[in-house]
Amino acid sequence: MINLGVRVEFYERVGQVGEPSEGYLGALERTDGYRAAAVPAVGTFLMAASLRVVDRETALPLPGPIQLPVRYVEHHLVPERDGKVPVWWDSYDEPGPTVVVHVALGSSPGGELLRRMIRQYIADGWECTGPEGSELREYSLEARRDLGL
């Protein structure tokens, strides 16, 4: 099994794989917490349901299709010197891949459902980022404050 990271990037409009998406709104990311049989290649599909963070009955699913195509794969390498990670290395100590998918929220995502979805992801250890003033960023800050993080 491979430990896999996932980043879900939200856009106003999502292009086809190989084309740019437009209107970046923010992202949810978890660099660990998923296992895979292999690193998915660009263009293969991830089941959106496998990215849920709570049980099926209470989960708020990601918006968009049931299958999300992998847009790109980032490989996070860790330097090794004489068989160990150097003391100067101040980042993660295990290598790992992160797959990136794009999801369309439209020009005005908003709403209580999005707020609740961001909260459940933050509670599960995901990071949520967004441009200054974006709803995703505001919902993330609110959730972190409410959860005492």
N, C-alpha and C. Protein backbone atom coordinates (compact mmCIF):
# COMPACT_ATOMS: atom_id res chain seq x y z
N MET A 1 0.83 -1.19 0.00
CA MET A 1 0.00 0.00 0.00
C MET A 1 0.87 1.25 0.00
N ILE A 2 0.37 2.29 -0.63
CA ILE A 2 1.07 3.56 -0.72
C ILE A 2 0.30 4.59 0.09
N ASN A 3 1.00 5.37 0.90
CA ASN A 3 0.37 6.49 1.59
C ASN A 3 0.25 7.62 0.59
N LEU A 4 -0.94 8.16 0.46
CA LEU A 4 -1.23 9.13 -0.59
C LEU A 4 -1.79 10.41 0.00
N GLY A 5 -1.30 11.54 -0.47
CA GLY A 5 -1.88 12.83 -0.13
C GLY A 5 -2.86 13.25 -1.21
N VAL A 6 -3.80 14.09 -0.83
CA VAL A 6 -4.82 14.56 -1.78
C VAL A 6 -5.00 16.07 -1.61
N ARG A 7 -5.05 16.79 -2.73
CA ARG A 7 -5.41 18.21 -2.70
C ARG A 7 -6.57 18.41 -3.66
N VAL A 8 -7.63 19.00 -3.13
CA VAL A 8 -8.81 19.33 -3.92
C VAL A 8 -8.78 20.84 -4.13
N GLU A 9 -8.58 21.26 -5.38
CA GLU A 9 -8.56 22.68 -5.70
C GLU A 9 -9.91 23.08 -6.28
N PHE A 10 -10.44 24.18 -5.76
CA PHE A 10 -11.76 24.66 -6.19
C PHE A 10 -11.61 25.83 -7.15
N TYR A 11 -12.39 25.81 -8.22
CA TYR A 11 -12.37 26.84 -9.25
C TYR A 11 -13.79 27.24 -9.62
N GLU A 12 -13.91 28.41 -10.23
CA GLU A 12 -15.20 28.81 -10.78
C GLU A 12 -15.57 27.94 -11.96
N ARG A 13 -14.56 27.66 -12.80
CA ARG A 13 -14.78 26.81 -13.99
C ARG A 13 -13.62 25.86 -14.13
N VAL A 14 -13.93 24.56 -14.27
CA VAL A 14 -12.91 23.54 -14.40
C VAL A 14 -12.80 23.14 -15.86
N GLY A 15 -11.57 23.21 -16.38
CA GLY A 15 -11.31 22.78 -17.75
C GLY A 15 -11.11 21.27 -17.79
N GLN A 16 -11.02 20.74 -18.99
CA GLN A 16 -10.72 19.33 -19.17
C GLN A 16 -9.30 19.06 -18.70
N VAL A 17 -8.98 17.78 -18.42
CA VAL A 17 -7.62 17.44 -18.03
C VAL A 17 -6.68 17.90 -19.13
N GLY A 18 -5.62 18.60 -18.75
CA GLY A 18 -4.68 19.15 -19.72
C GLY A 18 -4.97 20.60 -20.07
N GLU A 19 -6.16 21.08 -19.72
CA GLU A 19 -6.52 22.48 -19.94
C GLU A 19 -6.55 23.18 -18.59
N PRO A 20 -6.30 24.48 -18.57
CA PRO A 20 -6.33 25.18 -17.28
C PRO A 20 -7.76 25.37 -16.76
N SER A 21 -7.87 25.38 -15.46
CA SER A 21 -9.13 25.75 -14.82
C SER A 21 -9.06 27.24 -14.53
N GLU A 22 -10.22 27.89 -14.37
CA GLU A 22 -10.25 29.35 -14.22
C GLU A 22 -10.94 29.76 -12.93
N GLY A 23 -10.45 30.86 -12.34
CA GLY A 23 -11.08 31.44 -11.17
C GLY A 23 -10.79 30.65 -9.90
N TYR A 24 -9.53 30.57 -9.52
CA TYR A 24 -9.13 29.82 -8.32
C TYR A 24 -9.84 30.38 -7.09
N LEU A 25 -10.46 29.48 -6.30
CA LEU A 25 -11.21 29.88 -5.12
C LEU A 25 -10.58 29.40 -3.81
N GLY A 26 -9.71 28.40 -3.89
CA GLY A 26 -9.08 27.86 -2.69
C GLY A 26 -8.88 26.36 -2.83
N ALA A 27 -8.38 25.74 -1.74
CA ALA A 27 -8.09 24.31 -1.80
C ALA A 27 -8.21 23.67 -0.42
N LEU A 28 -8.52 22.40 -0.44
CA LEU A 28 -8.45 21.53 0.73
C LEU A 28 -7.30 20.57 0.48
N GLU A 29 -6.46 20.33 1.51
CA GLU A 29 -5.33 19.43 1.30
C GLU A 29 -5.07 18.60 2.54
N ARG A 30 -4.76 17.35 2.30
CA ARG A 30 -4.31 16.45 3.35
C ARG A 30 -3.16 15.65 2.75
N THR A 31 -1.97 15.79 3.33
CA THR A 31 -0.79 15.14 2.76
C THR A 31 -0.63 13.70 3.21
N ASP A 32 -1.52 13.24 4.10
CA ASP A 32 -1.51 11.84 4.52
C ASP A 32 -2.96 11.43 4.78
N GLY A 33 -3.13 10.21 5.23
CA GLY A 33 -4.48 9.81 5.62
C GLY A 33 -5.22 8.98 4.59
N TYR A 34 -4.60 8.72 3.44
CA TYR A 34 -5.23 7.87 2.43
C TYR A 34 -4.24 6.79 2.00
N ARG A 35 -4.76 5.61 1.72
CA ARG A 35 -3.94 4.52 1.21
C ARG A 35 -4.42 4.19 -0.19
N ALA A 36 -3.47 3.79 -1.03
CA ALA A 36 -3.82 3.43 -2.40
C ALA A 36 -2.98 2.22 -2.82
N ALA A 37 -3.51 1.46 -3.76
CA ALA A 37 -2.77 0.32 -4.29
C ALA A 37 -1.61 0.80 -5.17
N ALA A 38 -1.79 1.98 -5.78
CA ALA A 38 -0.75 2.56 -6.65
C ALA A 38 -0.99 4.06 -6.71
N VAL A 39 0.01 4.78 -7.18
CA VAL A 39 -0.17 6.22 -7.37
C VAL A 39 -0.98 6.42 -8.64
N PRO A 40 -2.15 7.06 -8.56
CA PRO A 40 -2.96 7.26 -9.76
C PRO A 40 -2.23 8.16 -10.76
N ALA A 41 -2.34 7.84 -12.01
CA ALA A 41 -1.74 8.64 -13.08
C ALA A 41 -2.66 9.79 -13.44
N VAL A 42 -2.09 10.81 -14.05
CA VAL A 42 -2.89 11.94 -14.53
C VAL A 42 -3.95 11.41 -15.49
N GLY A 43 -5.18 11.86 -15.30
CA GLY A 43 -6.28 11.44 -16.16
C GLY A 43 -7.08 10.27 -15.61
N THR A 44 -6.52 9.52 -14.66
CA THR A 44 -7.31 8.45 -14.06
C THR A 44 -8.28 9.08 -13.06
N PHE A 45 -9.26 8.32 -12.64
CA PHE A 45 -10.32 8.88 -11.81
C PHE A 45 -10.23 8.39 -10.36
N LEU A 46 -10.51 9.33 -9.45
CA LEU A 46 -10.68 9.00 -8.04
C LEU A 46 -12.17 9.07 -7.75
N MET A 47 -12.65 8.15 -6.96
CA MET A 47 -14.05 8.21 -6.54
C MET A 47 -14.17 9.30 -5.48
N ALA A 48 -15.01 10.29 -5.73
CA ALA A 48 -15.19 11.39 -4.78
C ALA A 48 -15.65 10.86 -3.42
N ALA A 49 -16.43 9.80 -3.41
CA ALA A 49 -16.93 9.24 -2.15
C ALA A 49 -15.80 8.74 -1.26
N SER A 50 -14.66 8.34 -1.85
CA SER A 50 -13.56 7.86 -1.03
C SER A 50 -12.86 9.00 -0.30
N LEU A 51 -13.16 10.25 -0.66
CA LEU A 51 -12.57 11.40 0.01
C LEU A 51 -13.44 11.93 1.14
N ARG A 52 -14.58 11.29 1.38
CA ARG A 52 -15.40 11.77 2.49
C ARG A 52 -14.67 11.52 3.80
N VAL A 53 -15.01 12.28 4.79
CA VAL A 53 -14.27 12.23 6.05
C VAL A 53 -15.11 11.71 7.22
N VAL A 54 -16.39 11.52 7.01
CA VAL A 54 -17.26 10.97 8.06
C VAL A 54 -18.14 9.90 7.43
N ASP A 55 -18.98 9.27 8.23
CA ASP A 55 -19.82 8.20 7.71
C ASP A 55 -20.78 8.71 6.62
N ARG A 56 -21.25 7.79 5.84
CA ARG A 56 -22.08 8.12 4.67
C ARG A 56 -23.33 8.93 5.02
N GLU A 57 -23.93 8.65 6.18
CA GLU A 57 -25.19 9.30 6.54
C GLU A 57 -25.01 10.79 6.85
N THR A 58 -23.88 11.16 7.45
CA THR A 58 -23.70 12.55 7.86
C THR A 58 -22.73 13.32 6.97
N ALA A 59 -22.12 12.65 6.00
CA ALA A 59 -21.13 13.31 5.14
C ALA A 59 -21.79 14.33 4.22
N LEU A 60 -21.10 15.44 4.05
CA LEU A 60 -21.47 16.39 3.01
C LEU A 60 -20.49 16.15 1.88
N PRO A 61 -20.95 15.65 0.75
CA PRO A 61 -20.02 15.27 -0.32
C PRO A 61 -19.41 16.50 -1.00
N LEU A 62 -18.26 16.28 -1.62
CA LEU A 62 -17.67 17.32 -2.45
C LEU A 62 -18.63 17.62 -3.59
N PRO A 63 -18.73 18.89 -3.98
CA PRO A 63 -19.57 19.19 -5.14
C PRO A 63 -18.94 18.62 -6.40
N GLY A 64 -19.75 18.38 -7.39
CA GLY A 64 -19.19 17.91 -8.66
C GLY A 64 -19.52 16.47 -8.95
N PRO A 65 -18.81 15.89 -9.92
CA PRO A 65 -19.11 14.52 -10.36
C PRO A 65 -18.69 13.49 -9.32
N ILE A 66 -19.16 12.26 -9.49
CA ILE A 66 -18.82 11.18 -8.56
C ILE A 66 -17.38 10.73 -8.74
N GLN A 67 -16.85 10.90 -9.94
CA GLN A 67 -15.46 10.55 -10.21
C GLN A 67 -14.72 11.82 -10.61
N LEU A 68 -13.57 12.04 -9.97
CA LEU A 68 -12.78 13.23 -10.22
C LEU A 68 -11.48 12.84 -10.91
N PRO A 69 -11.20 13.39 -12.10
CA PRO A 69 -9.95 13.04 -12.77
C PRO A 69 -8.74 13.67 -12.07
N VAL A 70 -7.67 12.90 -11.97
CA VAL A 70 -6.41 13.41 -11.42
C VAL A 70 -5.84 14.42 -12.41
N ARG A 71 -5.59 15.65 -11.93
CA ARG A 71 -5.06 16.71 -12.78
C ARG A 71 -3.55 16.64 -12.87
N TYR A 72 -2.89 16.41 -11.73
CA TYR A 72 -1.45 16.17 -11.72
C TYR A 72 -1.07 15.48 -10.43
N VAL A 73 0.15 15.00 -10.40
CA VAL A 73 0.68 14.29 -9.24
C VAL A 73 1.95 14.99 -8.82
N GLU A 74 2.05 15.32 -7.53
CA GLU A 74 3.26 15.92 -6.98
C GLU A 74 3.97 14.85 -6.17
N HIS A 75 5.25 14.69 -6.41
CA HIS A 75 6.05 13.74 -5.63
C HIS A 75 6.91 14.54 -4.66
N HIS A 76 6.69 14.31 -3.38
CA HIS A 76 7.44 15.01 -2.34
C HIS A 76 8.62 14.14 -1.94
N LEU A 77 9.80 14.58 -2.34
CA LEU A 77 11.01 13.81 -2.05
C LEU A 77 11.63 14.26 -0.75
N VAL A 78 12.39 13.38 -0.13
CA VAL A 78 13.11 13.69 1.10
C VAL A 78 14.58 13.37 0.86
N PRO A 79 15.46 14.31 1.13
CA PRO A 79 16.89 14.03 0.91
C PRO A 79 17.41 13.00 1.90
N GLU A 80 18.33 12.20 1.42
CA GLU A 80 18.96 11.20 2.28
C GLU A 80 20.46 11.32 2.13
N ARG A 81 21.14 11.42 3.25
CA ARG A 81 22.60 11.50 3.26
C ARG A 81 23.10 10.43 4.21
N ASP A 82 23.95 9.56 3.71
CA ASP A 82 24.51 8.48 4.53
C ASP A 82 23.42 7.66 5.21
N GLY A 83 22.34 7.40 4.47
CA GLY A 83 21.29 6.52 4.96
C GLY A 83 20.27 7.14 5.90
N LYS A 84 20.32 8.47 6.10
CA LYS A 84 19.32 9.10 6.97
C LYS A 84 19.01 10.51 6.48
N VAL A 85 17.91 11.05 6.98
CA VAL A 85 17.49 12.40 6.62
C VAL A 85 18.43 13.39 7.31
N PRO A 86 19.00 14.35 6.58
CA PRO A 86 19.94 15.30 7.20
C PRO A 86 19.26 16.15 8.27
N VAL A 87 20.03 16.56 9.26
CA VAL A 87 19.49 17.35 10.36
C VAL A 87 18.97 18.70 9.90
N TRP A 88 19.51 19.22 8.79
CA TRP A 88 19.07 20.53 8.32
C TRP A 88 17.70 20.48 7.64
N TRP A 89 17.21 19.27 7.35
CA TRP A 89 15.92 19.14 6.65
C TRP A 89 14.80 19.41 7.63
N ASP A 90 14.01 20.44 7.39
CA ASP A 90 12.98 20.85 8.35
C ASP A 90 11.56 20.61 7.86
N SER A 91 11.40 19.71 6.92
CA SER A 91 10.08 19.43 6.39
C SER A 91 9.70 18.00 6.77
N TYR A 92 8.77 17.40 6.04
CA TYR A 92 8.33 16.03 6.27
C TYR A 92 9.54 15.10 6.17
N ASP A 93 9.47 13.96 6.87
CA ASP A 93 10.61 13.05 6.85
C ASP A 93 10.35 11.77 6.07
N GLU A 94 9.20 11.67 5.43
CA GLU A 94 8.89 10.52 4.58
C GLU A 94 8.46 11.01 3.21
N PRO A 95 8.97 10.39 2.15
CA PRO A 95 8.54 10.78 0.82
C PRO A 95 7.09 10.38 0.58
N GLY A 96 6.44 11.04 -0.34
CA GLY A 96 5.08 10.66 -0.65
C GLY A 96 4.52 11.44 -1.83
N PRO A 97 3.56 10.84 -2.51
CA PRO A 97 2.89 11.52 -3.61
C PRO A 97 1.61 12.21 -3.14
N THR A 98 1.28 13.31 -3.78
CA THR A 98 0.00 13.99 -3.57
C THR A 98 -0.68 14.11 -4.92
N VAL A 99 -1.91 13.64 -5.00
CA VAL A 99 -2.68 13.78 -6.24
C VAL A 99 -3.55 15.02 -6.12
N VAL A 100 -3.73 15.71 -7.23
CA VAL A 100 -4.50 16.96 -7.25
C VAL A 100 -5.70 16.78 -8.17
N VAL A 101 -6.87 17.13 -7.66
CA VAL A 101 -8.10 17.12 -8.46
C VAL A 101 -8.70 18.52 -8.42
N HIS A 102 -9.46 18.86 -9.46
CA HIS A 102 -10.13 20.16 -9.53
C HIS A 102 -11.63 19.95 -9.42
N VAL A 103 -12.28 20.85 -8.67
CA VAL A 103 -13.73 20.81 -8.50
C VAL A 103 -14.28 22.20 -8.79
N ALA A 104 -15.37 22.27 -9.54
CA ALA A 104 -16.01 23.55 -9.86
C ALA A 104 -17.00 23.92 -8.77
N LEU A 105 -16.87 25.15 -8.27
CA LEU A 105 -17.85 25.68 -7.32
C LEU A 105 -18.71 26.76 -7.96
N GLY A 106 -18.33 27.26 -9.11
CA GLY A 106 -19.05 28.36 -9.72
C GLY A 106 -18.57 29.69 -9.16
N SER A 107 -19.12 30.77 -9.61
CA SER A 107 -18.64 32.09 -9.22
C SER A 107 -19.15 32.51 -7.84
N SER A 108 -20.18 31.85 -7.33
CA SER A 108 -20.71 32.22 -6.02
C SER A 108 -21.01 30.96 -5.22
N PRO A 109 -19.96 30.28 -4.66
CA PRO A 109 -20.18 29.01 -3.99
C PRO A 109 -21.05 29.16 -2.74
N GLY A 110 -20.62 29.92 -1.78
CA GLY A 110 -21.33 30.25 -0.54
C GLY A 110 -22.25 29.20 0.02
N GLY A 111 -22.94 29.58 1.04
CA GLY A 111 -23.99 28.75 1.58
C GLY A 111 -23.57 27.91 2.77
N GLU A 112 -24.58 27.52 3.51
CA GLU A 112 -24.37 26.74 4.72
C GLU A 112 -23.79 25.36 4.43
N LEU A 113 -24.16 24.74 3.32
CA LEU A 113 -23.61 23.42 3.01
C LEU A 113 -22.10 23.47 2.82
N LEU A 114 -21.62 24.49 2.11
CA LEU A 114 -20.17 24.63 1.91
C LEU A 114 -19.48 24.88 3.24
N ARG A 115 -20.07 25.71 4.06
CA ARG A 115 -19.50 26.00 5.39
C ARG A 115 -19.39 24.71 6.21
N ARG A 116 -20.44 23.89 6.22
CA ARG A 116 -20.42 22.64 6.96
C ARG A 116 -19.42 21.65 6.38
N MET A 117 -19.31 21.60 5.04
CA MET A 117 -18.36 20.70 4.40
C MET A 117 -16.93 21.07 4.81
N ILE A 118 -16.60 22.36 4.75
CA ILE A 118 -15.26 22.82 5.13
C ILE A 118 -15.00 22.47 6.59
N ARG A 119 -15.98 22.66 7.44
CA ARG A 119 -15.82 22.35 8.87
C ARG A 119 -15.50 20.87 9.09
N GLN A 120 -16.22 19.97 8.39
CA GLN A 120 -15.97 18.54 8.60
C GLN A 120 -14.58 18.16 8.10
N TYR A 121 -14.10 18.77 7.02
CA TYR A 121 -12.76 18.48 6.53
C TYR A 121 -11.69 19.03 7.48
N ILE A 122 -11.88 20.23 7.99
CA ILE A 122 -10.93 20.81 8.95
C ILE A 122 -10.87 19.93 10.21
N ALA A 123 -12.02 19.48 10.67
CA ALA A 123 -12.07 18.62 11.87
C ALA A 123 -11.32 17.31 11.65
N ASP A 124 -11.23 16.87 10.40
CA ASP A 124 -10.55 15.62 10.08
C ASP A 124 -9.06 15.82 9.79
N GLY A 125 -8.56 17.04 9.94
CA GLY A 125 -7.14 17.27 9.77
C GLY A 125 -6.70 17.83 8.43
N TRP A 126 -7.65 18.19 7.58
CA TRP A 126 -7.31 18.79 6.30
C TRP A 126 -6.95 20.27 6.52
N GLU A 127 -6.11 20.79 5.64
CA GLU A 127 -5.80 22.22 5.61
C GLU A 127 -6.68 22.84 4.53
N CYS A 128 -7.19 24.01 4.79
CA CYS A 128 -8.00 24.73 3.80
C CYS A 128 -7.39 26.10 3.61
N THR A 129 -7.10 26.44 2.36
CA THR A 129 -6.52 27.73 2.04
C THR A 129 -7.34 28.39 0.94
N GLY A 130 -7.15 29.68 0.83
CA GLY A 130 -7.83 30.42 -0.24
C GLY A 130 -7.29 31.82 -0.29
N PRO A 131 -7.54 32.51 -1.38
CA PRO A 131 -7.09 33.89 -1.50
C PRO A 131 -7.73 34.77 -0.43
N GLU A 132 -7.06 35.85 -0.10
CA GLU A 132 -7.57 36.82 0.88
C GLU A 132 -9.01 37.19 0.55
N GLY A 133 -9.89 37.06 1.54
CA GLY A 133 -11.29 37.43 1.36
C GLY A 133 -12.18 36.35 0.76
N SER A 134 -11.61 35.20 0.37
CA SER A 134 -12.44 34.16 -0.24
C SER A 134 -13.31 33.48 0.81
N GLU A 135 -14.44 32.96 0.38
CA GLU A 135 -15.34 32.26 1.29
C GLU A 135 -14.67 31.03 1.88
N LEU A 136 -13.91 30.30 1.07
CA LEU A 136 -13.24 29.12 1.59
C LEU A 136 -12.28 29.47 2.72
N ARG A 137 -11.54 30.54 2.53
CA ARG A 137 -10.61 30.98 3.58
C ARG A 137 -11.36 31.40 4.84
N GLU A 138 -12.43 32.16 4.66
CA GLU A 138 -13.22 32.62 5.81
C GLU A 138 -13.86 31.44 6.55
N TYR A 139 -14.42 30.48 5.80
CA TYR A 139 -15.03 29.30 6.42
C TYR A 139 -13.97 28.49 7.16
N SER A 140 -12.77 28.41 6.60
CA SER A 140 -11.68 27.68 7.23
C SER A 140 -11.27 28.33 8.55
N LEU A 141 -11.09 29.64 8.53
CA LEU A 141 -10.71 30.37 9.75
C LEU A 141 -11.79 30.22 10.83
N GLU A 142 -13.04 30.30 10.40
CA GLU A 142 -14.17 30.14 11.32
C GLU A 142 -14.17 28.75 11.95
N ALA A 143 -13.97 27.72 11.11
CA ALA A 143 -13.98 26.34 11.60
C ALA A 143 -12.81 26.10 12.56
N ARG A 144 -11.64 26.61 12.22
CA ARG A 144 -10.47 26.43 13.10
C ARG A 144 -10.70 27.10 14.46
N ARG A 145 -11.29 28.27 14.42
CA ARG A 145 -11.58 28.99 15.66
C ARG A 145 -12.60 28.21 16.50
N ASP A 146 -13.69 27.77 15.85
CA ASP A 146 -14.75 27.05 16.56
C ASP A 146 -14.26 25.71 17.12
N LEU A 147 -13.32 25.07 16.41
CA LEU A 147 -12.81 23.77 16.84
C LEU A 147 -11.61 23.90 17.79
N GLY A 148 -11.19 25.15 18.04
CA GLY A 148 -10.07 25.38 18.95
C GLY A 148 -8.74 24.96 18.38
N LEU A 149 -8.59 25.06 17.07
CA LEU A 149 -7.32 24.68 16.42
C LEU A 149 -6.43 25.88 16.15
